[in-house]
């Protein structure tokens, strides 16, 4: 959370009033940092069977985020790519701990994030998903070692 807060403060301090959309005569009162998409995965090189922390920020129009990777497969599942949902707070920040599976192959994996707007029709129960923005990060999975716990 500190990394996202520091990033937001840096963007807010480096933006001039004309860049932030305050004095340029536009009708949009939303600050520029609220429209940004940011995505951070920590640590960048976990072992198998470790937990990673995903921190993200989505634009104001999004109400949900989806994080997916080939490093998250479940035991016994034939699917190689798994997606995990992340709920957003009132300011559109999200965080979640995700387990790197023992069955994830060691090596480089891409972690992708989609900020989405989900609408559900109450009568027909049909769900409409609109992708607002995307981001990705790289992840290097190291082999499981028992000594990492001692």
N, C-alpha and C. Protein backbone atom coordinates (compact mmCIF):
# COMPACT_ATOMS: atom_id res chain seq x y z
N UNK A 1 0.82 -1.18 0.00
CA UNK A 1 0.00 0.00 0.00
C UNK A 1 0.87 1.24 0.00
N UNK A 2 2.03 1.16 0.67
CA UNK A 2 2.93 2.30 0.70
C UNK A 2 3.43 2.64 -0.69
N UNK A 3 3.67 1.62 -1.52
CA UNK A 3 4.18 1.86 -2.86
C UNK A 3 3.15 2.61 -3.70
N UNK A 4 1.89 2.24 -3.59
CA UNK A 4 0.85 2.93 -4.36
C UNK A 4 0.66 4.34 -3.84
N UNK A 5 0.66 4.52 -2.52
CA UNK A 5 0.51 5.86 -1.95
C UNK A 5 1.67 6.75 -2.37
N UNK A 6 2.89 6.22 -2.37
CA UNK A 6 4.04 7.01 -2.79
C UNK A 6 3.95 7.37 -4.26
N UNK A 7 3.45 6.45 -5.08
CA UNK A 7 3.31 6.72 -6.50
C UNK A 7 2.26 7.80 -6.74
N UNK A 8 1.16 7.76 -6.01
CA UNK A 8 0.11 8.76 -6.16
C UNK A 8 0.60 10.12 -5.72
N UNK A 9 1.32 10.18 -4.61
CA UNK A 9 1.87 11.44 -4.13
C UNK A 9 2.86 12.01 -5.13
N UNK A 10 3.70 11.17 -5.71
CA UNK A 10 4.68 11.63 -6.70
C UNK A 10 3.99 12.20 -7.92
N UNK A 11 2.95 11.53 -8.42
CA UNK A 11 2.23 12.03 -9.58
C UNK A 11 1.53 13.33 -9.24
N UNK A 12 0.95 13.42 -8.05
CA UNK A 12 0.24 14.64 -7.67
C UNK A 12 1.18 15.82 -7.49
N UNK A 13 2.37 15.59 -6.96
CA UNK A 13 3.32 16.68 -6.74
C UNK A 13 4.00 17.12 -8.02
N UNK A 14 4.23 16.23 -8.95
CA UNK A 14 4.92 16.60 -10.18
C UNK A 14 3.98 17.19 -11.22
N UNK A 15 2.68 17.02 -11.06
CA UNK A 15 1.73 17.57 -12.03
C UNK A 15 1.51 19.05 -11.77
N UNK A 16 1.60 19.86 -12.82
CA UNK A 16 1.30 21.28 -12.70
C UNK A 16 -0.21 21.46 -12.74
N UNK A 17 -0.74 22.62 -12.34
CA UNK A 17 -2.19 22.80 -12.38
C UNK A 17 -2.78 22.61 -13.78
N UNK A 18 -2.02 22.98 -14.83
CA UNK A 18 -2.54 22.79 -16.18
C UNK A 18 -2.59 21.31 -16.55
N UNK A 19 -1.62 20.53 -16.04
CA UNK A 19 -1.62 19.10 -16.33
C UNK A 19 -2.73 18.40 -15.56
N UNK A 20 -3.02 18.84 -14.36
CA UNK A 20 -4.00 18.18 -13.52
C UNK A 20 -5.43 18.48 -13.95
N UNK A 21 -5.62 19.41 -14.90
CA UNK A 21 -6.95 19.70 -15.40
C UNK A 21 -7.71 20.67 -14.52
N UNK A 22 -7.01 21.48 -13.69
CA UNK A 22 -7.70 22.40 -12.80
C UNK A 22 -7.98 23.74 -13.47
N UNK A 23 -7.02 24.29 -14.19
CA UNK A 23 -7.17 25.62 -14.75
C UNK A 23 -7.20 25.63 -16.27
N UNK A 24 -7.43 24.50 -16.90
CA UNK A 24 -7.41 24.47 -18.36
C UNK A 24 -8.80 24.71 -18.95
N UNK A 25 -9.80 25.00 -18.12
CA UNK A 25 -11.13 25.32 -18.60
C UNK A 25 -11.98 24.11 -18.93
N UNK A 26 -11.53 22.93 -18.62
CA UNK A 26 -12.33 21.74 -18.92
C UNK A 26 -13.39 21.54 -17.84
N UNK A 27 -14.48 20.88 -18.21
CA UNK A 27 -15.58 20.64 -17.28
C UNK A 27 -15.32 19.46 -16.37
N UNK A 28 -14.34 18.65 -16.69
CA UNK A 28 -14.05 17.46 -15.90
C UNK A 28 -13.33 17.85 -14.62
N UNK A 29 -13.95 17.62 -13.47
CA UNK A 29 -13.38 17.98 -12.17
C UNK A 29 -12.57 16.86 -11.54
N UNK A 30 -12.46 15.71 -12.21
CA UNK A 30 -11.74 14.57 -11.66
C UNK A 30 -10.24 14.79 -11.78
N UNK A 31 -9.48 14.60 -10.67
CA UNK A 31 -8.02 14.73 -10.77
C UNK A 31 -7.45 13.68 -11.72
N UNK A 32 -6.31 14.02 -12.31
CA UNK A 32 -5.72 13.15 -13.31
C UNK A 32 -5.28 11.81 -12.73
N UNK A 33 -4.82 11.78 -11.47
CA UNK A 33 -4.34 10.52 -10.89
C UNK A 33 -5.45 9.52 -10.69
N UNK A 34 -6.70 9.96 -10.64
CA UNK A 34 -7.83 9.02 -10.46
C UNK A 34 -8.15 8.27 -11.73
N UNK A 35 -7.59 8.71 -12.87
CA UNK A 35 -7.82 8.05 -14.14
C UNK A 35 -6.69 7.08 -14.50
N UNK A 36 -5.64 7.02 -13.67
CA UNK A 36 -4.48 6.19 -13.96
C UNK A 36 -4.72 4.73 -13.56
N UNK A 37 -3.99 3.85 -14.24
CA UNK A 37 -3.99 2.44 -13.90
C UNK A 37 -2.59 2.08 -13.43
N UNK A 38 -2.48 1.50 -12.24
CA UNK A 38 -1.18 1.08 -11.73
C UNK A 38 -1.30 -0.32 -11.17
N UNK A 39 -0.18 -1.05 -11.23
CA UNK A 39 -0.18 -2.47 -10.89
C UNK A 39 1.19 -2.84 -10.36
N UNK A 40 1.23 -3.52 -9.20
CA UNK A 40 2.50 -3.87 -8.57
C UNK A 40 2.39 -5.26 -7.96
N UNK A 41 3.40 -6.10 -8.21
CA UNK A 41 3.46 -7.45 -7.67
C UNK A 41 4.69 -7.56 -6.79
N UNK A 42 4.53 -8.04 -5.55
CA UNK A 42 5.65 -8.14 -4.62
C UNK A 42 5.62 -9.49 -3.94
N UNK A 43 6.69 -10.21 -3.81
CA UNK A 43 8.02 -10.03 -4.37
C UNK A 43 8.04 -10.42 -5.84
N UNK A 44 9.06 -9.98 -6.56
CA UNK A 44 9.13 -10.23 -8.00
C UNK A 44 9.66 -11.61 -8.33
N UNK A 45 10.34 -12.27 -7.37
CA UNK A 45 10.86 -13.62 -7.65
C UNK A 45 10.57 -14.55 -6.47
N UNK A 46 9.32 -14.98 -6.32
CA UNK A 46 8.96 -15.88 -5.23
C UNK A 46 9.32 -17.33 -5.54
N UNK A 47 9.33 -18.16 -4.52
CA UNK A 47 9.47 -19.60 -4.69
C UNK A 47 8.10 -20.20 -4.98
N UNK A 48 8.07 -21.45 -5.44
CA UNK A 48 6.81 -22.17 -5.52
C UNK A 48 6.26 -22.30 -4.10
N UNK A 49 4.96 -22.32 -3.95
CA UNK A 49 4.28 -22.44 -2.67
C UNK A 49 4.44 -21.20 -1.79
N UNK A 50 4.74 -20.05 -2.37
CA UNK A 50 4.81 -18.78 -1.66
C UNK A 50 3.55 -17.97 -1.93
N UNK A 51 3.35 -16.92 -1.15
CA UNK A 51 2.23 -16.01 -1.34
C UNK A 51 2.79 -14.69 -1.86
N UNK A 52 2.23 -14.19 -2.95
CA UNK A 52 2.63 -12.88 -3.45
C UNK A 52 1.53 -11.88 -3.12
N UNK A 53 1.89 -10.61 -3.10
CA UNK A 53 0.93 -9.54 -2.80
C UNK A 53 0.73 -8.71 -4.06
N UNK A 54 -0.51 -8.53 -4.44
CA UNK A 54 -0.87 -7.76 -5.62
C UNK A 54 -1.50 -6.45 -5.15
N UNK A 55 -0.91 -5.33 -5.55
CA UNK A 55 -1.44 -4.00 -5.25
C UNK A 55 -1.81 -3.32 -6.56
N UNK A 56 -2.98 -2.70 -6.62
CA UNK A 56 -3.40 -2.09 -7.88
C UNK A 56 -4.29 -0.89 -7.66
N UNK A 57 -4.39 -0.07 -8.70
CA UNK A 57 -5.31 1.06 -8.73
C UNK A 57 -5.95 1.09 -10.10
N UNK A 58 -7.27 1.25 -10.14
CA UNK A 58 -8.01 1.30 -11.40
C UNK A 58 -8.66 2.67 -11.56
N UNK A 59 -9.02 3.04 -12.79
CA UNK A 59 -9.74 4.30 -13.00
C UNK A 59 -11.09 4.33 -12.29
N UNK A 60 -11.66 5.52 -12.16
CA UNK A 60 -12.93 5.68 -11.44
C UNK A 60 -14.08 4.92 -12.06
N UNK A 61 -14.07 4.71 -13.35
CA UNK A 61 -15.19 4.04 -14.00
C UNK A 61 -15.23 2.54 -13.72
N UNK A 62 -14.13 1.95 -13.27
CA UNK A 62 -14.08 0.51 -13.00
C UNK A 62 -14.65 0.21 -11.62
N UNK A 63 -15.25 -0.98 -11.47
CA UNK A 63 -15.74 -1.39 -10.17
C UNK A 63 -15.20 -2.75 -9.73
N UNK A 64 -14.29 -3.34 -10.52
CA UNK A 64 -13.72 -4.64 -10.19
C UNK A 64 -12.42 -4.80 -10.97
N UNK A 65 -11.55 -5.67 -10.49
CA UNK A 65 -10.30 -5.96 -11.19
C UNK A 65 -10.10 -7.47 -11.26
N UNK A 66 -9.45 -7.93 -12.32
CA UNK A 66 -9.17 -9.35 -12.53
C UNK A 66 -7.68 -9.50 -12.77
N UNK A 67 -7.03 -10.36 -11.97
CA UNK A 67 -5.60 -10.63 -12.10
C UNK A 67 -5.43 -12.08 -12.53
N UNK A 68 -4.63 -12.33 -13.56
CA UNK A 68 -4.45 -13.68 -14.04
C UNK A 68 -3.01 -13.97 -14.39
N UNK A 69 -2.63 -15.26 -14.27
CA UNK A 69 -1.28 -15.67 -14.60
C UNK A 69 -1.22 -17.18 -14.75
N UNK A 70 -0.15 -17.66 -15.36
CA UNK A 70 0.10 -19.09 -15.44
C UNK A 70 0.79 -19.59 -14.17
N UNK A 71 1.13 -18.69 -13.25
CA UNK A 71 1.78 -19.08 -12.00
C UNK A 71 0.76 -19.40 -10.90
N UNK A 72 -0.54 -19.30 -11.18
CA UNK A 72 -1.56 -19.51 -10.15
C UNK A 72 -2.39 -20.78 -10.34
N UNK A 73 -1.95 -21.84 -10.99
CA UNK A 73 -2.86 -22.98 -11.23
C UNK A 73 -3.22 -23.70 -9.94
N UNK A 74 -4.39 -24.32 -9.93
CA UNK A 74 -4.84 -25.09 -8.78
C UNK A 74 -4.44 -26.55 -8.93
N UNK A 75 -4.33 -27.25 -7.80
CA UNK A 75 -3.99 -28.67 -7.82
C UNK A 75 -5.10 -29.46 -8.53
N UNK A 76 -4.71 -30.29 -9.46
CA UNK A 76 -5.66 -31.12 -10.17
C UNK A 76 -6.38 -30.44 -11.31
N UNK A 77 -6.15 -29.17 -11.53
CA UNK A 77 -6.81 -28.45 -12.61
C UNK A 77 -6.02 -28.60 -13.90
N UNK A 78 -6.70 -28.77 -15.00
CA UNK A 78 -6.04 -28.88 -16.29
C UNK A 78 -5.79 -27.51 -16.91
N UNK A 79 -6.36 -26.47 -16.33
CA UNK A 79 -6.17 -25.12 -16.87
C UNK A 79 -4.80 -24.59 -16.48
N UNK A 80 -4.10 -24.00 -17.43
CA UNK A 80 -2.77 -23.46 -17.14
C UNK A 80 -2.84 -22.00 -16.72
N UNK A 81 -3.88 -21.27 -17.12
CA UNK A 81 -4.02 -19.86 -16.80
C UNK A 81 -5.18 -19.70 -15.83
N UNK A 82 -4.94 -19.06 -14.70
CA UNK A 82 -5.99 -18.87 -13.69
C UNK A 82 -6.17 -17.40 -13.42
N UNK A 83 -7.42 -16.98 -13.32
CA UNK A 83 -7.75 -15.59 -13.01
C UNK A 83 -8.33 -15.50 -11.61
N UNK A 84 -7.97 -14.42 -10.91
CA UNK A 84 -8.40 -14.17 -9.54
C UNK A 84 -9.03 -12.79 -9.50
N UNK A 85 -10.20 -12.68 -8.89
CA UNK A 85 -10.87 -11.38 -8.77
C UNK A 85 -10.36 -10.59 -7.59
N UNK A 86 -10.31 -9.28 -7.77
CA UNK A 86 -9.86 -8.36 -6.71
C UNK A 86 -10.92 -7.29 -6.56
N UNK A 87 -11.46 -7.15 -5.37
CA UNK A 87 -12.42 -6.09 -5.10
C UNK A 87 -11.72 -4.76 -4.91
N UNK A 88 -12.42 -3.68 -5.23
CA UNK A 88 -11.85 -2.34 -5.13
C UNK A 88 -12.48 -1.57 -3.98
N UNK A 89 -11.69 -0.69 -3.36
CA UNK A 89 -12.18 0.16 -2.28
C UNK A 89 -12.90 1.37 -2.88
N UNK A 90 -13.31 2.29 -2.03
CA UNK A 90 -14.00 3.49 -2.47
C UNK A 90 -13.15 4.38 -3.37
N UNK A 91 -11.84 4.34 -3.19
CA UNK A 91 -10.94 5.14 -4.03
C UNK A 91 -10.31 4.32 -5.16
N UNK A 92 -10.86 3.14 -5.39
CA UNK A 92 -10.45 2.23 -6.47
C UNK A 92 -9.05 1.67 -6.30
N UNK A 93 -8.63 1.45 -5.07
CA UNK A 93 -7.41 0.71 -4.78
C UNK A 93 -7.82 -0.72 -4.45
N UNK A 94 -6.96 -1.66 -4.75
CA UNK A 94 -7.23 -3.05 -4.43
C UNK A 94 -5.96 -3.77 -4.03
N UNK A 95 -6.10 -4.78 -3.17
CA UNK A 95 -4.95 -5.59 -2.78
C UNK A 95 -5.44 -7.01 -2.50
N UNK A 96 -4.55 -7.96 -2.77
CA UNK A 96 -4.93 -9.35 -2.56
C UNK A 96 -3.67 -10.19 -2.47
N UNK A 97 -3.70 -11.17 -1.62
CA UNK A 97 -2.63 -12.16 -1.55
C UNK A 97 -3.00 -13.36 -2.41
N UNK A 98 -2.09 -13.78 -3.28
CA UNK A 98 -2.34 -14.89 -4.19
C UNK A 98 -1.24 -15.92 -3.99
N UNK A 99 -1.61 -17.19 -3.93
CA UNK A 99 -0.63 -18.25 -3.69
C UNK A 99 -0.04 -18.70 -5.02
N UNK A 100 1.29 -18.75 -5.06
CA UNK A 100 1.98 -19.37 -6.19
C UNK A 100 1.92 -20.87 -5.95
N UNK A 101 1.38 -21.60 -6.87
CA UNK A 101 1.14 -23.02 -6.69
C UNK A 101 2.45 -23.82 -6.69
N UNK A 102 2.44 -24.97 -6.01
CA UNK A 102 3.56 -25.91 -6.10
C UNK A 102 3.65 -26.49 -7.51
N UNK A 103 2.54 -26.43 -8.25
CA UNK A 103 2.47 -27.01 -9.57
C UNK A 103 2.78 -26.01 -10.68
N UNK A 104 3.11 -24.79 -10.31
CA UNK A 104 3.51 -23.79 -11.30
C UNK A 104 4.91 -24.10 -11.79
N UNK A 105 5.13 -24.13 -13.08
CA UNK A 105 6.49 -24.42 -13.57
C UNK A 105 7.44 -23.27 -13.23
N UNK A 106 8.65 -23.58 -12.78
CA UNK A 106 9.62 -22.52 -12.50
C UNK A 106 9.97 -21.77 -13.78
N UNK A 107 10.28 -20.49 -13.62
CA UNK A 107 10.66 -19.66 -14.76
C UNK A 107 9.85 -18.38 -14.80
N UNK A 108 9.92 -17.71 -15.95
CA UNK A 108 9.26 -16.42 -16.12
C UNK A 108 7.78 -16.61 -16.42
N UNK A 109 6.95 -15.80 -15.78
CA UNK A 109 5.51 -15.79 -16.00
C UNK A 109 5.08 -14.33 -16.11
N UNK A 110 4.08 -14.07 -16.91
CA UNK A 110 3.47 -12.75 -16.99
C UNK A 110 2.23 -12.73 -16.11
N UNK A 111 2.06 -11.65 -15.36
CA UNK A 111 0.87 -11.45 -14.55
C UNK A 111 0.11 -10.29 -15.18
N UNK A 112 -1.11 -10.54 -15.63
CA UNK A 112 -1.90 -9.51 -16.30
C UNK A 112 -3.06 -9.07 -15.40
N UNK A 113 -3.42 -7.79 -15.53
CA UNK A 113 -4.50 -7.22 -14.74
C UNK A 113 -5.44 -6.49 -15.67
N UNK A 114 -6.75 -6.69 -15.45
CA UNK A 114 -7.77 -5.97 -16.20
C UNK A 114 -8.67 -5.25 -15.21
N UNK A 115 -8.88 -3.96 -15.43
CA UNK A 115 -9.89 -3.21 -14.68
C UNK A 115 -11.17 -3.27 -15.50
N UNK A 116 -12.25 -3.70 -14.86
CA UNK A 116 -13.50 -3.92 -15.59
C UNK A 116 -14.66 -3.21 -14.91
N UNK A 117 -15.69 -2.93 -15.71
CA UNK A 117 -16.96 -2.42 -15.22
C UNK A 117 -17.97 -3.53 -15.41
N UNK A 118 -18.51 -4.04 -14.31
CA UNK A 118 -19.45 -5.16 -14.36
C UNK A 118 -20.86 -4.63 -14.08
N UNK A 119 -21.78 -4.97 -14.99
CA UNK A 119 -23.19 -4.61 -14.81
C UNK A 119 -24.02 -5.87 -14.89
N UNK A 120 -24.99 -5.99 -14.00
CA UNK A 120 -25.86 -7.16 -13.98
C UNK A 120 -27.30 -6.69 -14.15
N UNK A 121 -27.99 -7.25 -15.13
CA UNK A 121 -29.40 -6.97 -15.33
C UNK A 121 -30.19 -7.76 -14.30
N UNK A 122 -30.97 -7.08 -13.47
CA UNK A 122 -31.67 -7.76 -12.37
C UNK A 122 -32.77 -8.69 -12.86
N UNK A 123 -33.38 -8.38 -13.98
CA UNK A 123 -34.46 -9.23 -14.47
C UNK A 123 -33.92 -10.52 -15.09
N UNK A 124 -32.98 -10.38 -16.00
CA UNK A 124 -32.51 -11.55 -16.74
C UNK A 124 -31.27 -12.19 -16.12
N UNK A 125 -30.66 -11.54 -15.13
CA UNK A 125 -29.45 -12.03 -14.47
C UNK A 125 -28.27 -12.18 -15.45
N UNK A 126 -28.30 -11.40 -16.53
CA UNK A 126 -27.20 -11.42 -17.49
C UNK A 126 -26.15 -10.41 -17.05
N UNK A 127 -24.90 -10.87 -17.07
CA UNK A 127 -23.79 -10.05 -16.61
C UNK A 127 -23.04 -9.50 -17.83
N UNK A 128 -22.80 -8.18 -17.84
CA UNK A 128 -22.04 -7.55 -18.92
C UNK A 128 -20.74 -7.02 -18.32
N UNK A 129 -19.63 -7.40 -18.95
CA UNK A 129 -18.31 -7.01 -18.47
C UNK A 129 -17.65 -6.16 -19.54
N UNK A 130 -17.27 -4.94 -19.17
CA UNK A 130 -16.58 -4.02 -20.08
C UNK A 130 -15.18 -3.76 -19.54
N UNK A 131 -14.16 -4.02 -20.37
CA UNK A 131 -12.78 -3.81 -19.95
C UNK A 131 -12.45 -2.32 -20.07
N UNK A 132 -11.99 -1.73 -18.95
CA UNK A 132 -11.66 -0.31 -18.90
C UNK A 132 -10.19 -0.09 -19.21
N UNK A 133 -9.30 -0.85 -18.56
CA UNK A 133 -7.87 -0.69 -18.78
C UNK A 133 -7.16 -2.00 -18.47
N UNK A 134 -5.91 -2.08 -18.89
CA UNK A 134 -5.09 -3.28 -18.69
C UNK A 134 -3.69 -2.88 -18.25
N UNK A 135 -3.05 -3.81 -17.55
CA UNK A 135 -1.64 -3.63 -17.16
C UNK A 135 -1.05 -5.02 -16.97
N UNK A 136 0.29 -5.10 -16.99
CA UNK A 136 0.94 -6.39 -16.78
C UNK A 136 2.26 -6.18 -16.07
N UNK A 137 2.73 -7.25 -15.45
CA UNK A 137 4.01 -7.25 -14.75
C UNK A 137 4.64 -8.62 -14.94
N UNK A 138 5.96 -8.67 -14.80
CA UNK A 138 6.64 -9.96 -14.94
C UNK A 138 6.91 -10.56 -13.57
N UNK A 139 7.00 -11.88 -13.54
CA UNK A 139 7.20 -12.62 -12.30
C UNK A 139 8.13 -13.78 -12.60
N UNK A 140 9.11 -13.99 -11.75
CA UNK A 140 10.04 -15.11 -11.92
C UNK A 140 9.83 -16.06 -10.76
N UNK A 141 9.33 -17.27 -11.06
CA UNK A 141 9.05 -18.27 -10.04
C UNK A 141 10.27 -19.17 -9.88
N UNK A 142 10.77 -19.28 -8.64
CA UNK A 142 11.91 -20.14 -8.35
C UNK A 142 11.42 -21.49 -7.83
N UNK A 143 12.21 -22.54 -7.98
CA UNK A 143 11.78 -23.87 -7.51
C UNK A 143 11.60 -23.91 -5.99
N UNK A 144 10.72 -24.80 -5.54
CA UNK A 144 10.46 -24.97 -4.12
C UNK A 144 11.70 -25.52 -3.42
N UNK A 145 12.04 -24.93 -2.28
CA UNK A 145 13.15 -25.39 -1.45
C UNK A 145 12.64 -25.47 -0.01
N UNK A 146 12.89 -26.59 0.64
CA UNK A 146 12.43 -26.74 2.03
C UNK A 146 13.19 -25.80 2.95
N UNK A 147 14.40 -25.42 2.59
CA UNK A 147 15.20 -24.55 3.45
C UNK A 147 14.66 -23.12 3.54
N UNK A 148 13.71 -22.75 2.68
CA UNK A 148 13.16 -21.41 2.76
C UNK A 148 12.31 -21.21 4.02
N UNK A 149 11.94 -22.31 4.69
CA UNK A 149 11.15 -22.20 5.90
C UNK A 149 11.99 -22.28 7.16
N UNK A 150 13.29 -22.46 7.04
CA UNK A 150 14.16 -22.59 8.22
C UNK A 150 15.20 -21.50 8.26
